[in-house]
Amino acid sequence: MKIYIAGSSKDIDRCEQAIADARAAGLEITCDWVAAMRENKADAQLTESKLRVFALADFYGVRYADALWLLLPPASLPSSGCWTELGFALALHKIIVCSPPPQPAGVHAASRPQFNIFTTMPGLVHKASDEDALRYLRE
């Protein structure tokens, strides 16, 4: 299965881990935006043409994926890009699997994800953890 993993660039370590775990599970990543971010400067320092290249890579990554795995960003690390990618996936009728932010060790209350009304759309699959989402995508 080909997947696109969307998440907050402010939560890049989690996104990078999800991409590595998905590859190890035999899933094909259609766009490794995390690697591109690690290799380049912050978005605000990039030229418009370079930003366009990255935006097109993300767009086509979603387009050519069978599914989008949305790592719901914690409210403390909000995102804008992952919501755009969710919109692409919804419009393209992709399989969409969502997983909440992990709960930090020693914290009894769950980490609250950033709210977005479109995560309530019918057909989205919500899993209890990143591990559960990966198991679902492998099936």
Protein backbone atom coordinates (compact mmCIF):
# COMPACT_ATOMS: atom_id res chain seq x y z
CA MET A 1 0.00 0.00 0.00
CA LYS A 2 1.18 3.52 -0.81
CA ILE A 3 0.64 6.06 1.97
CA TYR A 4 1.25 9.71 2.72
CA ILE A 5 1.94 10.58 6.34
CA ALA A 6 0.71 14.03 7.39
CA GLY A 7 1.57 15.68 10.67
CA SER A 8 2.90 18.83 12.27
CA SER A 9 6.38 19.94 11.24
CA LYS A 10 6.69 21.09 14.86
CA ASP A 11 6.33 17.41 15.82
CA ILE A 12 8.91 16.28 13.25
CA ASP A 13 10.43 13.52 15.39
CA ARG A 14 7.06 11.76 15.66
CA CYS A 15 6.50 12.15 11.90
CA GLU A 16 9.97 10.82 11.14
CA GLN A 17 9.36 7.80 13.40
CA ALA A 18 6.02 7.08 11.72
CA ILE A 19 7.65 7.18 8.28
CA ALA A 20 10.43 4.82 9.43
CA ASP A 21 7.91 2.45 11.05
CA ALA A 22 5.70 2.45 7.94
CA ARG A 23 8.65 1.64 5.70
CA ALA A 24 9.76 -1.14 8.03
CA ALA A 25 6.22 -2.55 7.80
CA GLY A 26 6.51 -2.69 4.01
CA LEU A 27 4.39 0.37 3.20
CA GLU A 28 5.50 2.73 0.44
CA ILE A 29 5.83 6.40 1.40
CA THR A 30 4.76 8.61 -1.50
CA CYS A 31 6.52 11.75 -0.21
CA ASP A 32 9.06 11.97 2.61
CA TRP A 33 8.50 15.63 3.46
CA VAL A 34 10.34 15.15 6.76
CA ALA A 35 13.60 14.30 4.98
CA ALA A 36 13.12 17.32 2.72
CA MET A 37 12.61 19.56 5.78
CA ARG A 38 15.68 18.15 7.51
CA GLU A 39 17.78 18.85 4.40
CA ASN A 40 16.55 22.40 3.90
CA LYS A 41 16.08 25.59 5.87
CA ALA A 42 12.90 26.66 7.60
CA ASP A 43 10.03 27.49 5.23
CA ALA A 44 10.33 31.23 5.95
CA GLN A 45 13.90 31.22 4.62
CA LEU A 46 13.17 29.37 1.35
CA THR A 47 12.58 31.00 -2.01
CA GLU A 48 9.11 31.00 -3.50
CA SER A 49 10.18 28.58 -6.24
CA LYS A 50 11.62 26.12 -3.68
CA LEU A 51 8.43 26.36 -1.59
CA ARG A 52 6.41 25.61 -4.74
CA VAL A 53 8.50 22.49 -5.38
CA PHE A 54 7.82 21.26 -1.82
CA ALA A 55 4.11 22.10 -2.05
CA LEU A 56 3.78 20.19 -5.33
CA ALA A 57 5.66 17.21 -3.87
CA ASP A 58 3.24 17.14 -0.93
CA PHE A 59 0.21 17.51 -3.21
CA TYR A 60 1.32 14.70 -5.53
CA GLY A 61 2.31 12.61 -2.52
CA VAL A 62 -1.30 12.72 -1.35
CA ARG A 63 -2.66 12.29 -4.87
CA TYR A 64 -0.68 9.11 -5.60
CA ALA A 65 -1.21 7.56 -2.17
CA ASP A 66 -3.81 4.91 -1.48
CA ALA A 67 -4.24 6.29 2.04
CA LEU A 68 -3.35 9.27 4.19
CA TRP A 69 -2.21 8.64 7.77
CA LEU A 70 -2.88 11.79 9.76
CA LEU A 71 -0.82 12.10 12.92
CA LEU A 72 -3.15 14.46 14.74
CA PRO A 73 -0.93 17.21 16.08
CA PRO A 74 -1.03 18.04 19.76
CA ALA A 75 -2.66 21.38 20.52
CA SER A 76 0.71 22.47 21.89
CA LEU A 77 2.37 21.88 18.47
CA PRO A 78 -0.26 23.13 16.00
CA SER A 79 -0.04 22.62 12.27
CA SER A 80 -1.51 24.18 9.18
CA GLY A 81 0.01 21.98 6.47
CA CYS A 82 -1.44 18.69 7.67
CA TRP A 83 -4.95 20.15 7.47
CA THR A 84 -4.37 21.11 3.84
CA GLU A 85 -3.20 17.57 3.12
CA LEU A 86 -6.29 16.23 4.90
CA GLY A 87 -8.41 18.41 2.60
CA PHE A 88 -6.65 17.01 -0.47
CA ALA A 89 -7.24 13.46 0.76
CA LEU A 90 -10.91 14.13 1.48
CA ALA A 91 -11.43 15.65 -1.98
CA LEU A 92 -9.66 12.70 -3.61
CA HIS A 93 -11.71 10.14 -1.60
CA LYS A 94 -8.62 8.55 -0.04
CA ILE A 95 -8.61 6.17 2.89
CA ILE A 96 -7.83 8.40 5.89
CA VAL A 97 -6.54 7.02 9.17
CA CYS A 98 -6.07 9.36 12.15
CA SER A 99 -4.09 8.76 15.32
CA PRO A 100 -3.94 11.06 18.35
CA PRO A 101 -0.77 12.50 19.83
CA PRO A 102 0.99 10.12 22.20
CA GLN A 103 0.45 10.56 25.90
CA PRO A 104 3.69 11.58 27.64
CA ALA A 105 4.96 9.15 30.27
CA GLY A 106 3.77 10.02 33.75
CA VAL A 107 0.90 12.18 32.50
CA HIS A 108 -2.53 10.90 33.46
CA ALA A 109 -4.58 13.10 31.14
CA ALA A 110 -4.37 12.38 27.43
CA SER A 111 -2.62 14.92 25.21
CA ARG A 112 -5.31 16.94 23.51
CA PRO A 113 -5.05 17.04 19.71
CA GLN A 114 -5.36 20.30 17.80
CA PHE A 115 -9.01 20.65 16.80
CA ASN A 116 -10.09 20.63 13.18
CA ILE A 117 -13.73 20.23 12.18
CA PHE A 118 -12.84 18.06 9.19
CA THR A 119 -11.63 15.24 11.44
CA THR A 120 -15.33 14.61 12.16
CA MET A 121 -16.11 13.78 8.53
CA PRO A 122 -17.74 10.40 7.88
CA GLY A 123 -15.45 7.68 6.65
CA LEU A 124 -12.35 8.72 8.56
CA VAL A 125 -10.85 5.91 10.62
CA HIS A 126 -9.76 6.98 14.10
CA LYS A 127 -7.31 4.75 15.96
CA ALA A 128 -6.22 4.95 19.60
CA SER A 129 -2.48 5.26 18.86
CA ASP A 130 0.12 5.52 16.12
CA GLU A 131 0.83 1.80 16.60
CA ASP A 132 -2.86 0.93 16.10
CA ALA A 133 -3.01 3.12 12.99
CA LEU A 134 0.04 1.39 11.50
CA ARG A 135 -1.45 -2.06 12.21
CA TYR A 136 -4.66 -0.97 10.45
CA LEU A 137 -2.76 0.29 7.39
CA ARG A 138 -0.79 -2.95 7.14
CA GLU A 139 -3.98 -5.06 6.98
